[in-house]
Amino acid sequence: MPYVNIKITREGGTTPAQKAELIKGVTNLLAEVLDKSPATTFVVINEVEMEDWGVGGLPVEDYRRQIAAK
């Protein structure tokens, strides 16, 4: 019984259709690669506020500015 947790930043307004596509794609991948049953595959998508996400020791917005400046 696979459980997949996808975490994305809450920005740009991820649509319900995009989320449904992620759920379907991950479920299909587990079925194809690991022969897992789609009926018992759970996929959860969590949207995280930008200020609650960090990369490389920086808030993600600062990290992105740093990368863009290079």
PDB file of N, CA and C in Angstrom:
ATOM      1  N   MET A   1       0.838  -1.168   0.000  1.00  0.00           N
ATOM      2  CA  MET A   1       0.000   0.000   0.000  1.00  0.00           C
ATOM      3  C   MET A   1       0.888   1.238   0.000  1.00  0.00           C
ATOM      4  N   PRO A   2       1.258   1.733  -1.182  1.00  0.00           N
ATOM      5  CA  PRO A   2       2.118   2.913  -1.260  1.00  0.00           C
ATOM      6  C   PRO A   2       1.410   4.179  -0.781  1.00  0.00           C
ATOM      7  N   TYR A   3       2.201   5.032  -0.151  1.00  0.00           N
ATOM      8  CA  TYR A   3       1.743   6.350   0.277  1.00  0.00           C
ATOM      9  C   TYR A   3       2.775   7.339  -0.234  1.00  0.00           C
ATOM     10  N   VAL A   4       2.349   8.288  -1.050  1.00  0.00           N
ATOM     11  CA  VAL A   4       3.246   9.293  -1.610  1.00  0.00           C
ATOM     12  C   VAL A   4       2.775  10.661  -1.149  1.00  0.00           C
ATOM     13  N   ASN A   5       3.707  11.458  -0.628  1.00  0.00           N
ATOM     14  CA  ASN A   5       3.390  12.802  -0.183  1.00  0.00           C
ATOM     15  C   ASN A   5       4.164  13.774  -1.056  1.00  0.00           C
ATOM     16  N   ILE A   6       3.445  14.583  -1.818  1.00  0.00           N
ATOM     17  CA  ILE A   6       4.047  15.596  -2.684  1.00  0.00           C
ATOM     18  C   ILE A   6       3.892  16.938  -1.989  1.00  0.00           C
ATOM     19  N   LYS A   7       4.994  17.645  -1.809  1.00  0.00           N
ATOM     20  CA  LYS A   7       4.951  18.976  -1.206  1.00  0.00           C
ATOM     21  C   LYS A   7       5.391  19.991  -2.248  1.00  0.00           C
ATOM     22  N   ILE A   8       4.579  21.013  -2.416  1.00  0.00           N
ATOM     23  CA  ILE A   8       4.886  22.086  -3.354  1.00  0.00           C
ATOM     24  C   ILE A   8       4.666  23.422  -2.641  1.00  0.00           C
ATOM     25  N   THR A   9       5.345  24.460  -3.128  1.00  0.00           N
ATOM     26  CA  THR A   9       5.098  25.779  -2.560  1.00  0.00           C
ATOM     27  C   THR A   9       3.766  26.305  -3.087  1.00  0.00           C
ATOM     28  N   ARG A  10       3.098  27.059  -2.250  1.00  0.00           N
ATOM     29  CA  ARG A  10       1.808  27.634  -2.625  1.00  0.00           C
ATOM     30  C   ARG A  10       2.084  28.937  -3.369  1.00  0.00           C
ATOM     31  N   GLU A  11       2.150  28.834  -4.660  1.00  0.00           N
ATOM     32  CA  GLU A  11       2.401  30.002  -5.505  1.00  0.00           C
ATOM     33  C   GLU A  11       1.855  29.718  -6.893  1.00  0.00           C
ATOM     34  N   GLY A  12       1.467  30.712  -7.564  1.00  0.00           N
ATOM     35  CA  GLY A  12       1.027  30.532  -8.940  1.00  0.00           C
ATOM     36  C   GLY A  12      -0.290  29.806  -9.099  1.00  0.00           C
ATOM     37  N   GLY A  13      -0.918  29.431  -8.022  1.00  0.00           N
ATOM     38  CA  GLY A  13      -2.245  28.821  -8.103  1.00  0.00           C
ATOM     39  C   GLY A  13      -2.292  27.486  -8.818  1.00  0.00           C
ATOM     40  N   THR A  14      -1.744  26.466  -8.217  1.00  0.00           N
ATOM     41  CA  THR A  14      -1.851  25.122  -8.784  1.00  0.00           C
ATOM     42  C   THR A  14      -3.330  24.768  -8.878  1.00  0.00           C
ATOM     43  N   THR A  15      -3.755  24.350 -10.046  1.00  0.00           N
ATOM     44  CA  THR A  15      -5.177  24.089 -10.277  1.00  0.00           C
ATOM     45  C   THR A  15      -5.564  22.674  -9.844  1.00  0.00           C
ATOM     46  N   PRO A  16      -6.849  22.453  -9.597  1.00  0.00           N
ATOM     47  CA  PRO A  16      -7.305  21.099  -9.301  1.00  0.00           C
ATOM     48  C   PRO A  16      -6.968  20.117 -10.438  1.00  0.00           C
ATOM     49  N   ALA A  17      -7.014  20.580 -11.674  1.00  0.00           N
ATOM     50  CA  ALA A  17      -6.682  19.713 -12.813  1.00  0.00           C
ATOM     51  C   ALA A  17      -5.208  19.310 -12.774  1.00  0.00           C
ATOM     52  N   GLN A  18      -4.325  20.231 -12.411  1.00  0.00           N
ATOM     53  CA  GLN A  18      -2.899  19.906 -12.295  1.00  0.00           C
ATOM     54  C   GLN A  18      -2.658  18.906 -11.171  1.00  0.00           C
ATOM     55  N   LYS A  19      -3.353  19.096 -10.062  1.00  0.00           N
ATOM     56  CA  LYS A  19      -3.215  18.166  -8.948  1.00  0.00           C
ATOM     57  C   LYS A  19      -3.716  16.778  -9.341  1.00  0.00           C
ATOM     58  N   ALA A  20      -4.833  16.722 -10.042  1.00  0.00           N
ATOM     59  CA  ALA A  20      -5.366  15.439 -10.498  1.00  0.00           C
ATOM     60  C   ALA A  20      -4.376  14.735 -11.431  1.00  0.00           C
ATOM     61  N   GLU A  21      -3.700  15.510 -12.275  1.00  0.00           N
ATOM     62  CA  GLU A  21      -2.701  14.945 -13.182  1.00  0.00           C
ATOM     63  C   GLU A  21      -1.507  14.385 -12.407  1.00  0.00           C
ATOM     64  N   LEU A  22      -1.065  15.100 -11.378  1.00  0.00           N
ATOM     65  CA  LEU A  22       0.014  14.597 -10.527  1.00  0.00           C
ATOM     66  C   LEU A  22      -0.390  13.285  -9.861  1.00  0.00           C
ATOM     67  N   ILE A  23      -1.594  13.253  -9.293  1.00  0.00           N
ATOM     68  CA  ILE A  23      -2.074  12.050  -8.616  1.00  0.00           C
ATOM     69  C   ILE A  23      -2.127  10.870  -9.585  1.00  0.00           C
ATOM     70  N   LYS A  24      -2.673  11.104 -10.755  1.00  0.00           N
ATOM     71  CA  LYS A  24      -2.777  10.042 -11.760  1.00  0.00           C
ATOM     72  C   LYS A  24      -1.397   9.583 -12.219  1.00  0.00           C
ATOM     73  N   GLY A  25      -0.502  10.546 -12.469  1.00  0.00           N
ATOM     74  CA  GLY A  25       0.829  10.201 -12.959  1.00  0.00           C
ATOM     75  C   GLY A  25       1.642   9.405 -11.955  1.00  0.00           C
ATOM     76  N   VAL A  26       1.613   9.814 -10.696  1.00  0.00           N
ATOM     77  CA  VAL A  26       2.355   9.097  -9.654  1.00  0.00           C
ATOM     78  C   VAL A  26       1.772   7.697  -9.465  1.00  0.00           C
ATOM     79  N   THR A  27       0.456   7.611  -9.448  1.00  0.00           N
ATOM     80  CA  THR A  27      -0.201   6.313  -9.298  1.00  0.00           C
ATOM     81  C   THR A  27       0.181   5.376 -10.446  1.00  0.00           C
ATOM     82  N   ASN A  28       0.138   5.884 -11.666  1.00  0.00           N
ATOM     83  CA  ASN A  28       0.508   5.070 -12.827  1.00  0.00           C
ATOM     84  C   ASN A  28       1.979   4.650 -12.783  1.00  0.00           C
ATOM     85  N   LEU A  29       2.847   5.546 -12.362  1.00  0.00           N
ATOM     86  CA  LEU A  29       4.275   5.229 -12.272  1.00  0.00           C
ATOM     87  C   LEU A  29       4.523   4.091 -11.284  1.00  0.00           C
ATOM     88  N   LEU A  30       3.881   4.150 -10.124  1.00  0.00           N
ATOM     89  CA  LEU A  30       4.041   3.077  -9.139  1.00  0.00           C
ATOM     90  C   LEU A  30       3.493   1.757  -9.662  1.00  0.00           C
ATOM     91  N   ALA A  31       2.416   1.812 -10.415  1.00  0.00           N
ATOM     92  CA  ALA A  31       1.856   0.601 -11.001  1.00  0.00           C
ATOM     93  C   ALA A  31       2.809   0.007 -12.043  1.00  0.00           C
ATOM     94  N   GLU A  32       3.370   0.869 -12.886  1.00  0.00           N
ATOM     95  CA  GLU A  32       4.259   0.403 -13.952  1.00  0.00           C
ATOM     96  C   GLU A  32       5.602  -0.086 -13.424  1.00  0.00           C
ATOM     97  N   VAL A  33       6.214   0.662 -12.534  1.00  0.00           N
ATOM     98  CA  VAL A  33       7.580   0.355 -12.088  1.00  0.00           C
ATOM     99  C   VAL A  33       7.602  -0.690 -10.982  1.00  0.00           C
ATOM    100  N   LEU A  34       6.682  -0.576 -10.027  1.00  0.00           N
ATOM    101  CA  LEU A  34       6.714  -1.467  -8.862  1.00  0.00           C
ATOM    102  C   LEU A  34       5.548  -2.452  -8.810  1.00  0.00           C
ATOM    103  N   ASP A  35       4.712  -2.437  -9.837  1.00  0.00           N
ATOM    104  CA  ASP A  35       3.549  -3.326  -9.907  1.00  0.00           C
ATOM    105  C   ASP A  35       2.619  -3.155  -8.703  1.00  0.00           C
ATOM    106  N   LYS A  36       2.441  -1.902  -8.276  1.00  0.00           N
ATOM    107  CA  LYS A  36       1.559  -1.596  -7.152  1.00  0.00           C
ATOM    108  C   LYS A  36       0.141  -1.342  -7.654  1.00  0.00           C
ATOM    109  N   SER A  37      -0.814  -1.771  -6.897  1.00  0.00           N
ATOM    110  CA  SER A  37      -2.212  -1.606  -7.277  1.00  0.00           C
ATOM    111  C   SER A  37      -2.655  -0.150  -7.119  1.00  0.00           C
ATOM    112  N   PRO A  38      -3.212   0.437  -8.168  1.00  0.00           N
ATOM    113  CA  PRO A  38      -3.743   1.797  -8.052  1.00  0.00           C
ATOM    114  C   PRO A  38      -4.839   1.906  -6.987  1.00  0.00           C
ATOM    115  N   ALA A  39      -5.556   0.828  -6.765  1.00  0.00           N
ATOM    116  CA  ALA A  39      -6.657   0.844  -5.799  1.00  0.00           C
ATOM    117  C   ALA A  39      -6.178   1.053  -4.368  1.00  0.00           C
ATOM    118  N   THR A  40      -4.914   0.729  -4.116  1.00  0.00           N
ATOM    119  CA  THR A  40      -4.386   0.887  -2.755  1.00  0.00           C
ATOM    120  C   THR A  40      -3.214   1.858  -2.698  1.00  0.00           C
ATOM    121  N   THR A  41      -3.117   2.730  -3.692  1.00  0.00           N
ATOM    122  CA  THR A  41      -2.060   3.746  -3.728  1.00  0.00           C
ATOM    123  C   THR A  41      -2.651   5.085  -3.284  1.00  0.00           C
ATOM    124  N   PHE A  42      -2.025   5.671  -2.276  1.00  0.00           N
ATOM    125  CA  PHE A  42      -2.473   6.950  -1.739  1.00  0.00           C
ATOM    126  C   PHE A  42      -1.493   8.039  -2.133  1.00  0.00           C
ATOM    127  N   VAL A  43      -2.014   9.147  -2.653  1.00  0.00           N
ATOM    128  CA  VAL A  43      -1.191  10.300  -3.015  1.00  0.00           C
ATOM    129  C   VAL A  43      -1.789  11.526  -2.319  1.00  0.00           C
ATOM    130  N   VAL A  44      -0.948  12.229  -1.566  1.00  0.00           N
ATOM    131  CA  VAL A  44      -1.376  13.421  -0.855  1.00  0.00           C
ATOM    132  C   VAL A  44      -0.522  14.595  -1.336  1.00  0.00           C
ATOM    133  N   ILE A  45      -1.165  15.693  -1.655  1.00  0.00           N
ATOM    134  CA  ILE A  45      -0.456  16.903  -2.078  1.00  0.00           C
ATOM    135  C   ILE A  45      -0.627  17.954  -0.993  1.00  0.00           C
ATOM    136  N   ASN A  46       0.500  18.424  -0.474  1.00  0.00           N
ATOM    137  CA  ASN A  46       0.497  19.502   0.514  1.00  0.00           C
ATOM    138  C   ASN A  46       1.074  20.752  -0.127  1.00  0.00           C
ATOM    139  N   GLU A  47       0.344  21.853  -0.013  1.00  0.00           N
ATOM    140  CA  GLU A  47       0.858  23.136  -0.470  1.00  0.00           C
ATOM    141  C   GLU A  47       1.392  23.898   0.744  1.00  0.00           C
ATOM    142  N   VAL A  48       2.636  24.306   0.653  1.00  0.00           N
ATOM    143  CA  VAL A  48       3.331  24.950   1.756  1.00  0.00           C
ATOM    144  C   VAL A  48       3.517  26.430   1.430  1.00  0.00           C
ATOM    145  N   GLU A  49       3.255  27.275   2.399  1.00  0.00           N
ATOM    146  CA  GLU A  49       3.476  28.713   2.202  1.00  0.00           C
ATOM    147  C   GLU A  49       4.958  28.971   1.918  1.00  0.00           C
ATOM    148  N   MET A  50       5.238  29.959   1.097  1.00  0.00           N
ATOM    149  CA  MET A  50       6.613  30.272   0.705  1.00  0.00           C
ATOM    150  C   MET A  50       7.510  30.534   1.909  1.00  0.00           C
ATOM    151  N   GLU A  51       6.968  31.218   2.916  1.00  0.00           N
ATOM    152  CA  GLU A  51       7.808  31.538   4.079  1.00  0.00           C
ATOM    153  C   GLU A  51       8.098  30.315   4.948  1.00  0.00           C
ATOM    154  N   ASP A  52       7.438  29.197   4.674  1.00  0.00           N
ATOM    155  CA  ASP A  52       7.658  27.968   5.434  1.00  0.00           C
ATOM    156  C   ASP A  52       8.553  26.969   4.695  1.00  0.00           C
ATOM    157  N   TRP A  53       9.200  27.400   3.618  1.00  0.00           N
ATOM    158  CA  TRP A  53      10.023  26.511   2.796  1.00  0.00           C
ATOM    159  C   TRP A  53      11.413  27.116   2.695  1.00  0.00           C
ATOM    160  N   GLY A  54      12.431  26.304   2.899  1.00  0.00           N
ATOM    161  CA  GLY A  54      13.803  26.790   2.797  1.00  0.00           C
ATOM    162  C   GLY A  54      14.653  25.890   1.929  1.00  0.00           C
ATOM    163  N   VAL A  55      15.654  26.487   1.304  1.00  0.00           N
ATOM    164  CA  VAL A  55      16.615  25.761   0.462  1.00  0.00           C
ATOM    165  C   VAL A  55      17.995  26.341   0.729  1.00  0.00           C
ATOM    166  N   GLY A  56      18.963  25.488   0.958  1.00  0.00           N
ATOM    167  CA  GLY A  56      20.333  25.959   1.136  1.00  0.00           C
ATOM    168  C   GLY A  56      20.514  26.921   2.297  1.00  0.00           C
ATOM    169  N   GLY A  57      19.713  26.769   3.336  1.00  0.00           N
ATOM    170  CA  GLY A  57      19.828  27.636   4.501  1.00  0.00           C
ATOM    171  C   GLY A  57      19.129  28.975   4.369  1.00  0.00           C
ATOM    172  N   LEU A  58      18.359  29.146   3.293  1.00  0.00           N
ATOM    173  CA  LEU A  58      17.675  30.413   3.049  1.00  0.00           C
ATOM    174  C   LEU A  58      16.189  30.171   2.810  1.00  0.00           C
ATOM    175  N   PRO A  59      15.345  31.153   3.129  1.00  0.00           N
ATOM    176  CA  PRO A  59      13.955  31.053   2.674  1.00  0.00           C
ATOM    177  C   PRO A  59      13.954  30.927   1.149  1.00  0.00           C
ATOM    178  N   VAL A  60      13.036  30.181   0.604  1.00  0.00           N
ATOM    179  CA  VAL A  60      13.055  29.874  -0.828  1.00  0.00           C
ATOM    180  C   VAL A  60      13.068  31.128  -1.702  1.00  0.00           C
ATOM    181  N   GLU A  61      12.371  32.176  -1.306  1.00  0.00           N
ATOM    182  CA  GLU A  61      12.375  33.402  -2.119  1.00  0.00           C
ATOM    183  C   GLU A  61      13.775  34.016  -2.174  1.00  0.00           C
ATOM    184  N   ASP A  62      14.475  34.037  -1.040  1.00  0.00           N
ATOM    185  CA  ASP A  62      15.847  34.563  -1.023  1.00  0.00           C
ATOM    186  C   ASP A  62      16.767  33.669  -1.848  1.00  0.00           C
ATOM    187  N   TYR A  63      16.596  32.374  -1.732  1.00  0.00           N
ATOM    188  CA  TYR A  63      17.414  31.423  -2.500  1.00  0.00           C
ATOM    189  C   TYR A  63      17.224  31.652  -4.001  1.00  0.00           C
ATOM    190  N   ARG A  64      15.988  31.813  -4.425  1.00  0.00           N
ATOM    191  CA  ARG A  64      15.718  32.048  -5.840  1.00  0.00           C
ATOM    192  C   ARG A  64      16.325  33.346  -6.325  1.00  0.00           C
ATOM    193  N   ARG A  65      16.261  34.398  -5.506  1.00  0.00           N
ATOM    194  CA  ARG A  65      16.891  35.674  -5.882  1.00  0.00           C
ATOM    195  C   ARG A  65      18.407  35.498  -6.041  1.00  0.00           C
ATOM    196  N   GLN A  66      19.002  34.734  -5.124  1.00  0.00           N
ATOM    197  CA  GLN A  66      20.437  34.492  -5.164  1.00  0.00           C
ATOM    198  C   GLN A  66      20.832  33.743  -6.442  1.00  0.00           C
ATOM    199  N   ILE A  67      20.056  32.739  -6.796  1.00  0.00           N
ATOM    200  CA  ILE A  67      20.321  31.955  -8.016  1.00  0.00           C
ATOM    201  C   ILE A  67      20.133  32.822  -9.265  1.00  0.00           C
ATOM    202  N   ALA A  68      19.095  33.644  -9.282  1.00  0.00           N
ATOM    203  CA  ALA A  68      18.822  34.496 -10.439  1.00  0.00           C
ATOM    204  C   ALA A  68      19.904  35.542 -10.652  1.00  0.00           C
ATOM    205  N   ALA A  69      20.543  35.958  -9.561  1.00  0.00           N
ATOM    206  CA  ALA A  69      21.587  36.984  -9.642  1.00  0.00           C
ATOM    207  C   ALA A  69      22.895  36.442 -10.220  1.00  0.00           C
ATOM    208  N   LYS A  70      23.039  35.143 -10.251  1.00  0.00           N
ATOM    209  CA  LYS A  70      24.294  34.536 -10.756  1.00  0.00           C
ATOM    210  C   LYS A  70      24.363  34.539 -12.255  1.00  0.00           C
TER     211      LYS A  70
END
